[in-house]
Protein backbone atom coordinates (compact mmCIF):
# COMPACT_ATOMS: atom_id res chain seq x y z
CA MET A 1 2.71 13.23 25.36
CA PRO A 2 2.69 11.11 22.18
CA SER A 3 3.22 7.39 22.65
CA THR A 4 6.50 5.84 21.55
CA PRO A 5 6.04 3.73 18.39
CA ALA A 6 6.44 0.00 18.86
CA LEU A 7 9.79 -1.28 17.66
CA PRO A 8 10.18 -4.44 15.58
CA ARG A 9 12.43 -7.25 16.72
CA PRO A 10 16.03 -6.77 15.56
CA LEU A 11 16.81 -8.61 12.35
CA PRO A 12 19.77 -10.97 11.95
CA TRP A 13 22.67 -9.45 10.05
CA HIS A 14 21.94 -11.27 6.78
CA TRP A 15 18.39 -9.90 6.68
CA ARG A 16 19.65 -6.39 7.43
CA LEU A 17 22.10 -6.61 4.53
CA LEU A 18 19.41 -7.93 2.18
CA GLU A 19 16.95 -5.19 3.10
CA ALA A 20 19.61 -2.51 2.71
CA TYR A 21 20.43 -3.92 -0.72
CA PHE A 22 16.80 -3.82 -1.86
CA ALA A 23 16.36 -0.28 -0.51
CA ARG A 24 19.41 0.88 -2.46
CA VAL A 25 18.56 -0.91 -5.72
CA TYR A 26 14.90 0.13 -5.79
CA ARG A 27 15.54 3.56 -4.19
CA THR A 28 12.77 3.13 -1.65
CA GLU A 29 11.98 5.91 0.79
CA ILE A 30 9.85 6.13 3.91
CA LEU A 31 6.58 7.92 3.15
CA GLY A 32 6.75 11.37 4.71
CA GLY A 33 10.06 10.51 6.36
CA GLU A 34 8.27 9.35 9.51
CA PRO A 35 9.86 6.35 11.29
CA GLY A 36 6.48 4.85 12.21
CA SER A 37 4.99 5.13 8.72
CA LEU A 38 3.28 2.00 7.44
CA PHE A 39 4.43 2.63 3.87
CA ALA A 40 7.60 3.01 1.89
CA PHE A 41 7.60 3.85 -1.79
CA ASN A 42 9.60 4.17 -4.94
CA LEU A 43 8.81 5.90 -8.22
CA PHE A 44 9.37 4.26 -11.58
CA PRO A 45 8.37 4.64 -15.24
CA TYR A 46 5.73 2.04 -16.02
CA ARG A 47 6.70 -0.72 -18.46
CA GLY A 48 4.00 -3.11 -19.54
CA PRO A 49 0.59 -3.40 -21.18
CA GLU A 50 -1.86 -0.56 -20.75
CA ILE A 51 -3.86 -0.63 -17.50
CA VAL A 52 -7.36 0.86 -17.69
CA LEU A 53 -8.96 1.75 -14.34
CA LYS A 54 -12.67 2.25 -13.75
CA CYS A 55 -12.27 5.98 -13.10
CA GLY A 56 -11.01 6.31 -16.67
CA THR A 57 -7.29 6.60 -15.91
CA ARG A 58 -5.05 4.77 -18.39
CA VAL A 59 -1.60 3.77 -17.21
CA CYS A 60 0.65 3.58 -20.27
CA GLU A 61 4.30 2.98 -21.08
CA GLY A 62 6.46 5.66 -19.49
CA ASP A 63 3.86 6.96 -17.01
CA THR A 64 5.18 7.61 -13.51
CA VAL A 65 3.91 5.02 -11.02
CA MET A 66 4.36 4.96 -7.27
CA GLU A 67 5.15 1.47 -5.99
CA VAL A 68 3.93 1.10 -2.40
CA HIS A 69 5.52 -1.25 0.15
CA PHE A 70 4.59 -2.23 3.69
CA ARG A 71 7.35 -1.46 6.23
CA ARG A 72 8.11 -3.91 9.03
CA GLU A 73 8.67 -0.94 11.34
CA GLY A 74 5.16 0.29 10.55
CA LEU A 75 3.76 -3.19 11.14
CA ALA A 76 5.47 -3.53 14.54
CA PRO A 77 2.25 -2.76 16.49
CA LEU A 78 0.81 -6.02 15.09
CA SER A 79 3.51 -8.18 16.68
CA ALA A 80 1.32 -8.83 19.73
CA GLN A 81 -1.55 -10.27 17.65
CA ALA A 82 -1.91 -13.97 18.36
CA ASP A 83 -3.88 -15.14 15.33
CA SER A 84 -4.65 -14.37 11.71
CA THR A 85 -7.96 -12.66 12.57
CA GLY A 86 -6.25 -10.23 14.93
CA LEU A 87 -3.47 -9.67 12.41
CA GLY A 88 -5.91 -8.84 9.62
CA LEU A 89 -8.00 -6.51 11.79
CA GLY A 90 -4.90 -4.76 13.10
CA LEU A 91 -3.64 -4.23 9.57
CA LEU A 92 -6.95 -2.65 8.54
CA LEU A 93 -6.83 -0.29 11.53
CA LEU A 94 -3.31 0.77 10.59
CA ALA A 95 -4.39 1.28 6.99
CA ASP A 96 -7.37 3.39 8.12
CA ARG A 97 -4.81 5.80 9.56
CA GLU A 98 -2.13 5.55 6.88
CA VAL A 99 -4.02 5.52 3.57
CA PRO A 100 -5.35 9.08 4.09
CA ARG A 101 -1.80 10.12 4.99
CA LEU A 102 -0.65 8.61 1.70
CA ALA A 103 -3.21 10.71 -0.18
CA ARG A 104 -2.11 13.87 1.63
CA GLU A 105 1.52 13.21 0.74
CA LEU A 106 0.56 12.88 -2.92
CA VAL A 107 -0.76 16.44 -2.75
CA ARG A 108 1.92 17.90 -0.47
CA ASP A 109 5.12 16.59 -2.06
CA PRO A 110 5.90 18.17 -5.47
CA ARG A 111 7.82 15.04 -6.51
CA PHE A 112 4.47 13.23 -6.74
CA ALA A 113 2.78 15.72 -9.08
CA GLU A 114 3.43 13.50 -12.11
CA VAL A 115 2.36 10.21 -10.50
CA LYS A 116 -0.36 8.66 -12.65
CA ALA A 117 -1.24 5.74 -10.38
CA LEU A 118 -0.15 3.70 -7.35
CA HIS A 119 0.62 0.01 -7.48
CA ALA A 120 1.54 -2.83 -5.15
CA ARG A 121 1.77 -6.60 -5.15
CA THR A 122 0.26 -7.93 -1.96
CA LEU A 123 -1.18 -10.95 -0.19
CA PHE A 124 -3.74 -8.73 1.57
CA HIS A 125 -5.63 -7.75 -1.55
CA ARG A 126 -9.17 -8.39 -0.31
CA GLY A 127 -8.96 -5.99 2.60
CA ILE A 128 -7.42 -3.22 0.53
CA ARG A 129 -10.47 -2.98 -1.75
CA ARG A 130 -12.19 -0.90 0.92
CA TYR A 131 -9.72 1.92 0.21
CA GLY A 132 -10.60 2.07 -3.48
CA PHE A 133 -7.83 -0.12 -4.88
CA GLU A 134 -8.64 -2.38 -7.81
CA VAL A 135 -7.34 -5.95 -7.80
CA PHE A 136 -5.87 -7.79 -10.78
CA PRO A 137 -4.31 -11.24 -11.07
CA VAL A 138 -0.61 -11.65 -11.70
CA ARG A 139 -0.66 -13.25 -15.14
CA GLU A 140 2.89 -14.57 -15.15
CA ARG A 141 2.87 -17.70 -12.99
CA PRO A 142 6.60 -17.62 -12.11
CA VAL A 143 6.20 -14.01 -10.92
CA GLU A 144 3.06 -14.89 -8.95
CA ARG A 145 4.75 -17.84 -7.27
CA TRP A 146 7.92 -15.92 -6.48
CA PHE A 147 6.16 -12.94 -4.84
CA THR A 148 3.73 -15.21 -2.99
CA TRP A 149 6.59 -17.26 -1.57
CA TRP A 150 8.61 -14.15 -0.68
CA GLN A 151 5.78 -12.31 1.06
CA LYS A 152 4.77 -15.37 3.04
CA LEU A 153 8.38 -15.75 4.11
CA LEU A 154 8.43 -12.15 5.34
CA LEU A 155 5.14 -12.65 7.18
CA ARG A 156 6.54 -15.70 8.94
CA ARG A 157 9.71 -13.81 9.76
CA ASP A 158 8.05 -10.72 11.18
CA HIS A 159 5.01 -12.11 12.97
CA PRO A 160 5.44 -14.31 16.05
CA HIS A 161 2.56 -16.50 14.89
CA GLY A 162 3.31 -16.07 11.22
CA GLU A 163 2.98 -19.74 10.26
CA ARG A 164 -0.56 -19.87 11.63
CA ALA A 165 -1.37 -16.44 10.18
CA VAL A 166 -0.35 -17.57 6.70
CA ALA A 167 -2.10 -20.94 6.97
CA GLY A 168 -5.29 -19.47 8.44
CA SER A 169 -5.78 -16.48 6.15
CA GLY A 170 -7.85 -17.19 3.07
CA GLU A 171 -6.81 -13.97 1.36
CA ALA A 172 -3.12 -14.67 1.94
CA ALA A 173 -3.18 -17.56 -0.54
CA VAL A 174 -1.63 -15.75 -3.51
CA VAL A 175 -0.22 -12.34 -4.40
CA ARG A 176 -2.30 -10.00 -6.56
CA HIS A 177 -1.67 -6.64 -8.25
CA VAL A 178 -3.53 -3.72 -6.68
CA TRP A 179 -3.92 -0.40 -8.49
CA ILE A 180 -5.50 2.97 -7.84
CA SER A 181 -5.17 6.19 -9.79
CA ARG A 182 -3.65 9.21 -8.08
CA GLU A 183 -6.82 11.13 -8.93
CA ALA A 184 -9.11 8.57 -7.26
CA LEU A 185 -7.02 8.31 -4.08
CA VAL A 186 -6.71 12.07 -3.65
CA ARG A 187 -10.42 12.58 -4.36
CA ARG A 188 -11.29 9.95 -1.78
CA TYR A 189 -8.82 10.81 1.00
CA GLY A 190 -7.07 14.06 0.08
CA PRO A 191 -7.36 17.47 1.78
CA THR A 192 -10.86 18.10 0.40
CA SER A 193 -12.06 14.69 1.73
CA THR A 194 -14.51 14.28 -1.14
CA THR A 195 -15.67 10.68 -1.46
CA CYS A 196 -14.81 9.12 -4.80
CA GLY A 197 -17.78 7.76 -6.71
CA SER A 198 -18.20 4.01 -6.96
CA SER A 199 -17.19 4.08 -10.63
CA CYS A 200 -13.67 5.03 -9.54
CA VAL A 201 -13.05 2.40 -6.94
CA SER A 202 -13.98 -1.09 -8.06
CA GLY A 203 -13.55 -3.44 -10.94
CA GLY A 204 -11.32 -2.30 -13.76
CA ARG A 205 -10.17 -3.44 -17.19
CA THR A 206 -6.76 -4.19 -18.54
CA LYS A 207 -5.36 -5.09 -21.94
CA PRO A 208 -4.10 -7.36 -20.33
CA SER A 209 -3.15 -6.94 -16.65
CA ALA A 210 0.53 -6.44 -15.89
């Protein structure tokens, strides 16, 4: 019998309203429609300077991009972690399970056929490199400060030792952009399970970064 997914602590009403508002405005959906999924997503036409990834993919104005978001419901299994080390390790273990699922959904769902690349802004940008994502700085300081403050606030809210986790995690100092092309993710983790070459999964150039 499959185990019952861990449930997050109930949110106060004002947080529930705020999250519902964001979900409606950005049209986010749960990846695969599974309640325990680590990721939510939304699709949008890219607006910004050209992004050039090491695998050769160029993300240009108007290209379809999948924005990826962590879900607090998917992170609920980490609520028992007592320190930043346990939190980081637990997140990597969840990602080991969920990133291949993300690649499979890119192939399975016809809505994703036109996705050029996947993008996120995250505090946990060092750990995500292992999955082939490329990391870029957020050039606009007000944007960097806003998303860093917001994501640290959410981490404090959702983790029982969030203050210590934020203070003790070197990689959680500042938000970064992370990018990967659809081609590279599917090649690395898709149904064929072919490992992407190193030229597709590290570094990257941008003119300039978004």
